[in-house]
Amino acid sequence: MAAPSSEKTLAAPEALSLESRTAFRRTAVELLDQLPEGAGRLVIDLSATRAVDSAGLGTLMLIQRRAAERRVAVALRGANEELRFLLVLTKLDDLFELEGGAGSGG
C-alpha cells in the first residue's frame, strides 16, 4: 500500500471560465483539504487548458489563497504562453510555482 501522498494533481478544464469555475474550485478545495497542512502541494495541470478568462484567473487566486491558509504550495503545470504572460501581466506569477509541461513545445 502506498503512503498518503503529500501532492495532489488536478487537471484544469479546457476552458477555465465563468461556466467551469465553481466545480473546478470545489474540487481544488476538496483536494487541498486532503493534503497535510504545512507540507502538501497541489499541482494544477493546465496542459489541456486552452482559454482562461478573468473568472478563471480569479478562481486560481481563490485556490491559492485557500492553499496559503493551509500553508500548502500551488504549482501550475503546463501553462501555455498566453496564460504565463497573463500571470506576469497581473503580477500573479509570484503566487504560484510555474512548471513546464513534459515535452510541451511552442
Protein backbone atom coordinates (compact mmCIF):
# COMPACT_ATOMS: atom_id res chain seq x y z
CA MET A 1 0.00 0.00 0.00
CA ALA A 2 1.22 3.45 -0.87
CA ALA A 3 1.60 6.06 1.85
CA PRO A 4 -0.76 9.04 1.61
CA SER A 5 0.69 11.46 -0.90
CA SER A 6 1.54 15.00 0.08
CA GLU A 7 0.96 16.03 -3.54
CA LYS A 8 -2.35 16.07 -5.38
CA THR A 9 -2.84 16.83 -9.07
CA LEU A 10 -5.93 18.44 -10.54
CA ALA A 11 -6.49 18.65 -14.29
CA ALA A 12 -7.97 22.01 -15.25
CA PRO A 13 -10.80 22.11 -17.81
CA GLU A 14 -10.18 23.07 -21.44
CA ALA A 15 -11.76 26.46 -20.68
CA LEU A 16 -11.28 27.78 -17.17
CA SER A 17 -14.07 30.31 -17.21
CA LEU A 18 -17.26 31.54 -15.60
CA GLU A 19 -19.06 28.32 -16.57
CA SER A 20 -16.45 25.90 -15.19
CA ARG A 21 -15.06 27.81 -12.21
CA THR A 22 -17.43 26.63 -9.47
CA ALA A 23 -16.93 22.90 -9.99
CA PHE A 24 -13.19 23.36 -10.52
CA ARG A 25 -12.79 25.40 -7.34
CA ARG A 26 -14.87 22.93 -5.32
CA THR A 27 -12.68 20.03 -6.47
CA ALA A 28 -9.50 22.01 -5.74
CA VAL A 29 -10.67 22.83 -2.21
CA GLU A 30 -11.53 19.16 -1.59
CA LEU A 31 -8.01 18.16 -2.68
CA LEU A 32 -6.42 20.89 -0.57
CA ASP A 33 -8.32 19.64 2.46
CA GLN A 34 -6.86 16.15 1.89
CA LEU A 35 -3.28 17.45 1.97
CA PRO A 36 -1.31 17.68 5.21
CA GLU A 37 -1.31 21.23 6.50
CA GLY A 38 2.07 22.91 6.12
CA ALA A 39 3.56 20.15 4.00
CA GLY A 40 1.39 19.48 0.98
CA ARG A 41 1.42 20.62 -2.62
CA LEU A 42 -1.39 20.99 -5.15
CA VAL A 43 -0.43 20.75 -8.81
CA ILE A 44 -2.92 22.23 -11.25
CA ASP A 45 -2.33 20.67 -14.66
CA LEU A 46 -3.13 23.27 -17.32
CA SER A 47 -1.68 21.36 -20.26
CA ALA A 48 -5.14 20.78 -21.79
CA THR A 49 -6.42 24.27 -20.93
CA ARG A 50 -6.82 26.49 -23.98
CA ALA A 51 -8.60 29.52 -22.50
CA VAL A 52 -8.66 31.30 -19.15
CA ASP A 53 -10.87 34.34 -18.61
CA SER A 54 -10.98 36.77 -15.69
CA ALA A 55 -13.27 34.44 -13.73
CA GLY A 56 -10.76 31.64 -14.26
CA LEU A 57 -7.91 33.85 -13.04
CA GLY A 58 -9.99 34.78 -10.02
CA THR A 59 -10.58 31.10 -9.32
CA LEU A 60 -6.85 30.39 -9.40
CA MET A 61 -6.36 33.26 -6.93
CA LEU A 62 -9.03 31.88 -4.58
CA ILE A 63 -7.47 28.41 -4.72
CA GLN A 64 -4.06 29.90 -3.97
CA ARG A 65 -5.47 31.88 -1.03
CA ARG A 66 -7.04 28.74 0.44
CA ALA A 67 -3.75 26.90 -0.03
CA ALA A 68 -1.83 29.71 1.70
CA GLU A 69 -4.18 29.45 4.68
CA ARG A 70 -3.17 25.79 4.96
CA ARG A 71 0.50 26.55 4.16
CA VAL A 72 0.33 24.40 1.04
CA ALA A 73 2.13 25.26 -2.22
CA VAL A 74 0.27 25.53 -5.52
CA ALA A 75 2.06 24.71 -8.77
CA LEU A 76 0.74 25.41 -12.25
CA ARG A 77 1.95 22.76 -14.69
CA GLY A 78 1.92 23.11 -18.45
CA ALA A 79 0.53 26.66 -18.64
CA ASN A 80 0.65 27.95 -22.20
CA GLU A 81 2.50 31.11 -23.22
CA GLU A 82 -0.67 33.21 -23.17
CA LEU A 83 -1.55 32.22 -19.62
CA ARG A 84 2.03 32.72 -18.43
CA PHE A 85 2.02 36.21 -19.95
CA LEU A 86 -1.32 36.94 -18.28
CA LEU A 87 0.05 35.82 -14.90
CA VAL A 88 3.08 38.10 -15.29
CA LEU A 89 0.95 41.00 -16.51
CA THR A 90 -1.36 40.73 -13.49
CA LYS A 91 1.60 40.11 -11.13
CA LEU A 92 0.16 36.75 -10.09
CA ASP A 93 3.16 34.73 -11.29
CA ASP A 94 4.84 35.08 -7.87
CA LEU A 95 1.92 33.35 -6.15
CA PHE A 96 2.44 30.06 -7.98
CA GLU A 97 5.23 27.65 -8.79
CA LEU A 98 5.30 27.50 -12.60
CA GLU A 99 6.29 24.17 -14.13
CA GLY A 100 6.72 23.36 -17.80
CA GLY A 101 4.76 20.50 -19.26
CA ALA A 102 6.63 17.33 -20.16
CA GLY A 103 7.54 17.53 -23.82
CA SER A 104 5.49 20.67 -24.36
CA GLY A 105 6.57 22.63 -27.40
CA GLY A 106 5.66 26.11 -28.54
